[in-house]
């Protein structure tokens, strides 16, 4: 990318074109060999949604910009499957394929169903406040 930027400073049209040709050729060769990958903003957002709730190292490409900052603390999606477990626990899967667990499902919480909207908000110690269909929030965590 630096070589492409330096080409823009060339005054002579012939030199600038030769510089761009060489730089683009090197970039395309690196891409074809797998040394360089180009990803668009939507790919980054989709990956961030799939990784939401997991502890991952700080990878610069997933950082986003100011507009994307809030997306690292909250996520709204849909539930695709639900499984109730002993001791009032519930496990469910989201549209992104993530599996979550609610520790103790309150009795006043309506049954969780596929298709329900779910909102996650970062809490403490790796847990999240989970709000299903706008009901009161409960604590849970991502398990897979």
Protein backbone atom coordinates (compact mmCIF):
# COMPACT_ATOMS: atom_id res chain seq x y z
CA UNK A 1 0.00 0.00 0.00
CA UNK A 2 2.91 2.35 0.73
CA UNK A 3 4.25 1.87 -2.78
CA UNK A 4 0.83 2.74 -4.21
CA UNK A 5 0.73 5.89 -2.12
CA UNK A 6 4.20 6.89 -3.27
CA UNK A 7 3.12 6.54 -6.92
CA UNK A 8 0.64 9.37 -6.44
CA UNK A 9 3.50 11.77 -5.77
CA UNK A 10 5.10 11.18 -9.20
CA UNK A 11 4.76 14.22 -11.45
CA UNK A 12 5.58 12.63 -14.78
CA UNK A 13 2.58 10.72 -16.16
CA UNK A 14 4.71 7.94 -17.67
CA UNK A 15 6.62 7.37 -14.42
CA UNK A 16 3.40 7.47 -12.39
CA UNK A 17 1.72 4.89 -14.65
CA UNK A 18 4.78 2.61 -14.54
CA UNK A 19 4.88 2.92 -10.74
CA UNK A 20 1.16 2.09 -10.43
CA UNK A 21 1.52 -0.86 -12.81
CA UNK A 22 4.40 -2.29 -10.77
CA UNK A 23 2.69 -1.69 -7.42
CA UNK A 24 -0.65 -3.12 -8.48
CA UNK A 25 1.11 -6.13 -10.01
CA UNK A 26 2.92 -6.80 -6.73
CA UNK A 27 -0.33 -6.41 -4.76
CA UNK A 28 -2.24 -8.77 -7.05
CA UNK A 29 0.56 -11.36 -6.89
CA UNK A 30 0.58 -11.19 -3.07
CA UNK A 31 -3.21 -11.59 -3.05
CA UNK A 32 -3.10 -14.60 -5.36
CA UNK A 33 -0.43 -16.23 -3.16
CA UNK A 34 -2.53 -15.64 -0.04
CA UNK A 35 -0.09 -13.20 1.54
CA UNK A 36 -2.58 -10.33 1.33
CA UNK A 37 -6.36 -10.45 1.77
CA UNK A 38 -8.78 -7.65 1.17
CA UNK A 39 -11.94 -7.57 3.27
CA UNK A 40 -14.76 -5.10 3.12
CA UNK A 41 -16.50 -3.45 6.05
CA UNK A 42 -19.46 -5.85 5.87
CA UNK A 43 -17.13 -8.87 6.19
CA UNK A 44 -15.61 -7.32 9.31
CA UNK A 45 -19.05 -6.61 10.81
CA UNK A 46 -20.25 -10.14 10.10
CA UNK A 47 -17.11 -11.60 11.71
CA UNK A 48 -17.50 -9.33 14.73
CA UNK A 49 -21.11 -10.51 15.18
CA UNK A 50 -20.02 -14.16 14.97
CA UNK A 51 -17.30 -13.59 17.60
CA UNK A 52 -19.47 -11.52 19.95
CA UNK A 53 -19.25 -12.86 23.49
CA UNK A 54 -15.96 -14.72 23.01
CA UNK A 55 -12.62 -13.61 24.41
CA UNK A 56 -10.45 -12.96 21.40
CA UNK A 57 -7.13 -11.15 21.16
CA UNK A 58 -7.15 -7.54 20.02
CA UNK A 59 -6.96 -7.93 16.26
CA UNK A 60 -6.62 -4.57 14.55
CA UNK A 61 -8.70 -5.52 11.53
CA UNK A 62 -11.71 -6.18 13.78
CA UNK A 63 -11.41 -2.89 15.67
CA UNK A 64 -13.58 -0.88 13.27
CA UNK A 65 -14.02 2.85 13.53
CA UNK A 66 -15.96 5.15 15.87
CA UNK A 67 -19.24 4.14 14.23
CA UNK A 68 -18.54 0.49 15.08
CA UNK A 69 -17.39 0.98 18.70
CA UNK A 70 -20.82 0.40 20.27
CA UNK A 71 -21.16 -2.89 18.39
CA UNK A 72 -18.45 -4.41 20.59
CA UNK A 73 -20.56 -4.03 23.77
CA UNK A 74 -24.05 -4.85 22.51
CA UNK A 75 -25.62 -7.16 19.96
CA UNK A 76 -29.22 -7.64 18.84
CA UNK A 77 -30.11 -10.77 16.90
CA UNK A 78 -32.63 -13.64 16.71
CA UNK A 79 -32.82 -16.98 18.50
CA UNK A 80 -32.83 -20.02 16.20
CA UNK A 81 -33.12 -22.88 18.74
CA UNK A 82 -33.72 -23.35 22.47
CA UNK A 83 -33.00 -26.14 24.92
CA UNK A 84 -34.01 -26.11 28.57
CA UNK A 85 -31.60 -27.77 31.00
CA UNK A 86 -31.88 -28.90 34.65
CA UNK A 87 -31.75 -26.34 37.48
CA UNK A 88 -33.64 -23.67 35.51
CA UNK A 89 -30.88 -23.19 32.93
CA UNK A 90 -31.58 -22.49 29.28
CA UNK A 91 -29.29 -22.82 26.29
CA UNK A 92 -30.07 -21.21 22.97
CA UNK A 93 -28.44 -20.61 19.61
CA UNK A 94 -28.48 -17.32 17.74
CA UNK A 95 -28.68 -16.61 14.01
CA UNK A 96 -24.87 -16.23 13.97
CA UNK A 97 -24.43 -19.79 15.28
CA UNK A 98 -23.37 -18.79 18.79
CA UNK A 99 -24.59 -20.87 21.77
CA UNK A 100 -25.52 -19.01 24.95
CA UNK A 101 -26.58 -20.09 28.42
CA UNK A 102 -28.84 -18.35 30.91
CA UNK A 103 -27.83 -19.37 34.42
CA UNK A 104 -31.19 -19.25 36.20
CA UNK A 105 -34.26 -18.55 34.12
CA UNK A 106 -36.66 -16.51 36.27
CA UNK A 107 -40.13 -17.97 36.52
CA UNK A 108 -41.68 -14.72 35.35
CA UNK A 109 -39.70 -14.84 32.07
CA UNK A 110 -41.90 -15.98 29.19
CA UNK A 111 -40.86 -19.17 27.42
CA UNK A 112 -38.00 -18.64 25.01
CA UNK A 113 -38.92 -19.57 21.45
CA UNK A 114 -37.06 -19.71 18.12
CA UNK A 115 -37.56 -16.41 16.32
CA UNK A 116 -37.47 -14.34 19.52
CA UNK A 117 -35.38 -11.19 19.41
CA UNK A 118 -32.49 -11.20 21.85
CA UNK A 119 -30.26 -8.34 22.96
CA UNK A 120 -26.91 -8.86 24.66
CA UNK A 121 -25.15 -6.20 26.69
CA UNK A 122 -21.71 -6.69 28.17
CA UNK A 123 -21.73 -7.07 31.98
CA UNK A 124 -18.82 -8.08 34.21
CA UNK A 125 -16.48 -11.06 34.49
CA UNK A 126 -17.30 -12.39 31.02
CA UNK A 127 -21.06 -12.35 31.55
CA UNK A 128 -23.77 -10.55 29.64
CA UNK A 129 -27.20 -9.13 30.38
CA UNK A 130 -29.55 -10.95 28.05
CA UNK A 131 -32.92 -9.38 27.20
CA UNK A 132 -35.36 -11.51 25.21
CA UNK A 133 -38.27 -9.78 23.46
CA UNK A 134 -37.81 -6.68 25.62
CA UNK A 135 -38.42 -8.57 28.89
CA UNK A 136 -36.30 -8.00 31.97
CA UNK A 137 -32.61 -8.77 31.51
CA UNK A 138 -31.05 -11.94 32.90
CA UNK A 139 -27.41 -12.92 33.27
CA UNK A 140 -25.77 -15.41 30.98
CA UNK A 141 -22.67 -16.21 29.00
CA UNK A 142 -21.60 -17.52 25.63
CA UNK A 143 -20.65 -21.22 25.81
CA UNK A 144 -19.75 -21.94 22.20
